[in-house]
């Protein structure tokens, strides 16, 4: 059975464009694979804490006896999120642009799954990703237009960061469903969501 992990990170609730897009993307996967198993994670409600000395205990390779109670609790959170990510065949992520990059809640989740020995490893020839074989679909929403100019592309650290980090994990099938310019008026919203819908339909055709 295919497992899909559906993640939202927008803090704006029903007003969020990225949440609208992730719902549509998941619906298309469901329509093509009725028996697909979907797990949902809302990082606006369930974000892990940002990295601290306690949550770094997992990375330090300490034995359970060497960990503090706080480090054990943080390790349990990290392991739960990591296992959830690793067992997913498809990961659908809602990633709005906040201040030219991703929400801090989404970054906190990425910091928990970026674990040496689990999603990547270091070798004498450099790092090697360990999470290959997944498909990652990112619902990207932006208030302005960044993809159509060199200046805009230089300013965005949202899609570029996500492409690098998931590529670092060994994932090569990374798709973007983009709605940009959603703060530029009704006509821009209609155009952006129409283009995003066409991208979703292309995903559905490939999955069929």
Protein backbone atom coordinates (compact mmCIF):
# COMPACT_ATOMS: atom_id res chain seq x y z
CA UNK A 1 0.00 0.00 0.00
CA UNK A 2 1.26 3.46 -0.88
CA UNK A 3 1.66 5.83 2.06
CA UNK A 4 1.30 9.59 1.57
CA UNK A 5 2.42 12.08 4.21
CA UNK A 6 0.45 15.34 3.94
CA UNK A 7 2.11 18.29 5.69
CA UNK A 8 0.83 21.84 6.09
CA UNK A 9 2.87 24.65 7.60
CA UNK A 10 0.93 27.85 6.84
CA UNK A 11 -0.20 29.73 9.93
CA UNK A 12 -3.13 31.45 8.18
CA UNK A 13 -5.66 28.61 8.36
CA UNK A 14 -8.40 28.60 5.74
CA UNK A 15 -7.00 31.78 4.19
CA UNK A 16 -3.86 29.88 3.20
CA UNK A 17 -3.27 29.26 -0.49
CA UNK A 18 -0.74 26.50 0.19
CA UNK A 19 -3.32 24.62 2.28
CA UNK A 20 -5.82 24.83 -0.56
CA UNK A 21 -3.22 23.42 -2.90
CA UNK A 22 -2.14 20.53 -0.66
CA UNK A 23 -5.78 19.48 -0.29
CA UNK A 24 -6.20 19.45 -4.05
CA UNK A 25 -2.96 17.52 -4.55
CA UNK A 26 -3.93 14.88 -2.00
CA UNK A 27 -7.41 14.59 -3.53
CA UNK A 28 -5.84 13.87 -6.92
CA UNK A 29 -3.61 11.17 -5.46
CA UNK A 30 -6.63 9.65 -3.71
CA UNK A 31 -8.66 9.65 -6.92
CA UNK A 32 -5.93 7.71 -8.72
CA UNK A 33 -5.09 5.40 -5.81
CA UNK A 34 -8.25 4.81 -3.74
CA UNK A 35 -6.42 2.54 -1.29
CA UNK A 36 -3.64 5.06 -0.57
CA UNK A 37 -2.94 5.60 3.13
CA UNK A 38 -2.74 9.28 4.09
CA UNK A 39 -1.12 10.59 7.27
CA UNK A 40 -1.52 14.27 8.15
CA UNK A 41 0.79 16.60 10.03
CA UNK A 42 -0.16 20.23 10.68
CA UNK A 43 3.02 22.02 11.67
CA UNK A 44 1.14 25.18 12.59
CA UNK A 45 -0.40 23.11 15.41
CA UNK A 46 2.20 20.40 16.01
CA UNK A 47 5.59 21.86 15.18
CA UNK A 48 8.57 20.46 17.07
CA UNK A 49 10.65 22.92 19.05
CA UNK A 50 13.58 24.53 17.31
CA UNK A 51 16.96 22.89 17.75
CA UNK A 52 18.49 23.21 21.19
CA UNK A 53 21.19 21.44 23.16
CA UNK A 54 18.50 19.01 24.34
CA UNK A 55 17.22 18.14 20.88
CA UNK A 56 20.78 17.70 19.60
CA UNK A 57 21.23 14.68 21.88
CA UNK A 58 19.99 12.35 19.14
CA UNK A 59 22.74 13.55 16.81
CA UNK A 60 25.50 13.26 19.37
CA UNK A 61 25.13 9.47 19.43
CA UNK A 62 24.89 9.26 23.21
CA UNK A 63 23.59 6.11 24.90
CA UNK A 64 20.23 6.26 26.63
CA UNK A 65 21.96 6.27 30.03
CA UNK A 66 23.97 9.34 29.06
CA UNK A 67 20.92 11.37 28.05
CA UNK A 68 19.04 13.75 30.29
CA UNK A 69 15.28 13.42 30.68
CA UNK A 70 14.83 16.43 28.39
CA UNK A 71 17.06 14.86 25.73
CA UNK A 72 15.11 11.60 25.88
CA UNK A 73 11.85 13.46 25.35
CA UNK A 74 13.27 15.38 22.41
CA UNK A 75 14.74 12.21 20.91
CA UNK A 76 11.31 10.56 21.01
CA UNK A 77 9.85 13.49 19.07
CA UNK A 78 12.69 13.37 16.55
CA UNK A 79 12.40 9.62 16.04
CA UNK A 80 8.63 9.77 15.61
CA UNK A 81 8.88 12.48 12.93
CA UNK A 82 11.81 10.74 11.25
CA UNK A 83 10.07 7.36 11.03
CA UNK A 84 6.89 8.98 9.75
CA UNK A 85 8.87 10.64 6.96
CA UNK A 86 10.93 7.56 6.08
CA UNK A 87 7.94 5.23 5.71
CA UNK A 88 6.12 7.62 3.36
CA UNK A 89 6.27 6.91 -0.38
CA UNK A 90 4.87 10.34 -1.28
CA UNK A 91 5.30 13.53 0.75
CA UNK A 92 3.04 16.51 -0.01
CA UNK A 93 4.23 19.70 1.69
CA UNK A 94 2.47 23.05 1.91
CA UNK A 95 5.25 25.64 1.96
CA UNK A 96 4.25 29.29 1.79
CA UNK A 97 6.92 31.95 1.47
CA UNK A 98 7.44 33.95 4.66
CA UNK A 99 10.07 36.70 4.45
CA UNK A 100 11.70 35.13 1.37
CA UNK A 101 11.96 31.63 2.86
CA UNK A 102 9.89 28.84 4.43
CA UNK A 103 7.95 29.08 7.73
CA UNK A 104 10.10 28.46 10.79
CA UNK A 105 7.74 25.61 11.74
CA UNK A 106 8.64 23.78 8.53
CA UNK A 107 12.34 24.44 9.09
CA UNK A 108 12.04 22.97 12.61
CA UNK A 109 10.54 19.79 11.13
CA UNK A 110 13.31 19.56 8.51
CA UNK A 111 15.94 19.96 11.24
CA UNK A 112 14.45 16.93 13.00
CA UNK A 113 14.48 14.66 9.95
CA UNK A 114 17.94 15.78 8.77
CA UNK A 115 19.68 13.02 10.70
CA UNK A 116 23.03 11.50 9.76
CA UNK A 117 22.71 7.74 9.40
CA UNK A 118 19.00 7.98 8.60
CA UNK A 119 18.33 10.48 5.81
CA UNK A 120 21.98 10.98 4.77
CA UNK A 121 25.46 9.79 5.60
CA UNK A 122 28.96 11.12 5.17
CA UNK A 123 31.51 9.10 3.22
CA UNK A 124 35.09 9.64 2.06
CA UNK A 125 33.59 10.81 -1.24
CA UNK A 126 31.17 13.23 0.38
CA UNK A 127 27.56 13.05 1.63
CA UNK A 128 25.15 10.42 0.32
CA UNK A 129 21.36 10.64 0.64
CA UNK A 130 19.55 7.71 2.24
CA UNK A 131 15.91 8.61 1.49
CA UNK A 132 15.87 7.92 -2.25
CA UNK A 133 12.79 6.56 -3.99
CA UNK A 134 10.26 9.00 -2.58
CA UNK A 135 8.24 11.57 -4.47
CA UNK A 136 8.04 15.00 -2.86
CA UNK A 137 5.39 17.43 -4.07
CA UNK A 138 5.67 20.96 -2.70
CA UNK A 139 2.71 23.34 -2.78
CA UNK A 140 4.49 26.68 -3.00
CA UNK A 141 2.60 29.93 -2.46
CA UNK A 142 4.05 33.43 -2.73
CA UNK A 143 2.57 36.88 -2.41
CA UNK A 144 4.80 38.29 -5.14
CA UNK A 145 6.28 37.03 -8.40
CA UNK A 146 9.77 35.55 -8.05
CA UNK A 147 10.15 32.94 -10.77
CA UNK A 148 10.04 35.27 -13.76
CA UNK A 149 13.13 37.43 -13.19
CA UNK A 150 16.75 36.99 -12.13
CA UNK A 151 16.22 39.46 -9.29
CA UNK A 152 13.22 37.54 -8.02
CA UNK A 153 15.02 34.21 -8.24
CA UNK A 154 17.96 35.64 -6.29
CA UNK A 155 15.61 36.82 -3.52
CA UNK A 156 13.76 33.57 -2.94
CA UNK A 157 15.12 31.04 -0.44
CA UNK A 158 11.98 28.95 -0.29
CA UNK A 159 11.82 26.58 -3.27
CA UNK A 160 15.59 26.71 -3.73
CA UNK A 161 16.20 25.60 -0.14
CA UNK A 162 13.63 22.79 -0.30
CA UNK A 163 15.07 21.48 -3.56
CA UNK A 164 18.57 21.40 -2.04
CA UNK A 165 17.65 19.79 1.28
CA UNK A 166 15.48 17.02 -0.18
CA UNK A 167 18.09 16.44 -2.88
CA UNK A 168 20.64 16.11 -0.07
CA UNK A 169 18.47 13.32 1.32
CA UNK A 170 18.81 11.52 -2.03
CA UNK A 171 15.36 12.40 -3.37
CA UNK A 172 15.36 13.16 -7.08
CA UNK A 173 11.61 13.29 -7.77
CA UNK A 174 10.78 16.75 -6.40
CA UNK A 175 7.81 18.58 -7.93
CA UNK A 176 6.59 22.13 -7.31
CA UNK A 177 2.97 23.20 -7.62
CA UNK A 178 3.35 26.96 -7.51
CA UNK A 179 0.88 29.78 -6.92
CA UNK A 180 2.71 33.10 -6.92
CA UNK A 181 1.49 36.66 -7.01
CA UNK A 182 -1.43 35.88 -4.69
CA UNK A 183 -1.12 39.29 -3.02
CA UNK A 184 -1.24 41.13 -6.33
CA UNK A 185 -5.00 41.31 -6.84
CA UNK A 186 -7.90 39.09 -7.86
CA UNK A 187 -6.76 38.63 -11.45
CA UNK A 188 -3.32 37.48 -10.30
CA UNK A 189 -4.87 35.05 -7.83
CA UNK A 190 -7.10 33.56 -10.51
CA UNK A 191 -4.16 33.14 -12.85
CA UNK A 192 -1.91 31.69 -10.14
CA UNK A 193 -4.44 29.14 -8.93
CA UNK A 194 -5.31 28.19 -12.52
CA UNK A 195 -1.66 27.49 -13.29
CA UNK A 196 -1.30 25.53 -10.05
CA UNK A 197 -4.36 23.45 -10.91
CA UNK A 198 -2.86 22.57 -14.28
CA UNK A 199 0.29 21.41 -12.50
CA UNK A 200 -1.80 19.22 -10.22
CA UNK A 201 -3.63 17.71 -13.19
CA UNK A 202 -0.28 16.88 -14.77
CA UNK A 203 0.68 15.05 -11.58
CA UNK A 204 -2.58 13.13 -11.69
CA UNK A 205 -2.02 12.10 -15.30
CA UNK A 206 1.44 10.80 -14.45
CA UNK A 207 0.07 8.83 -11.51
CA UNK A 208 -2.73 7.26 -13.55
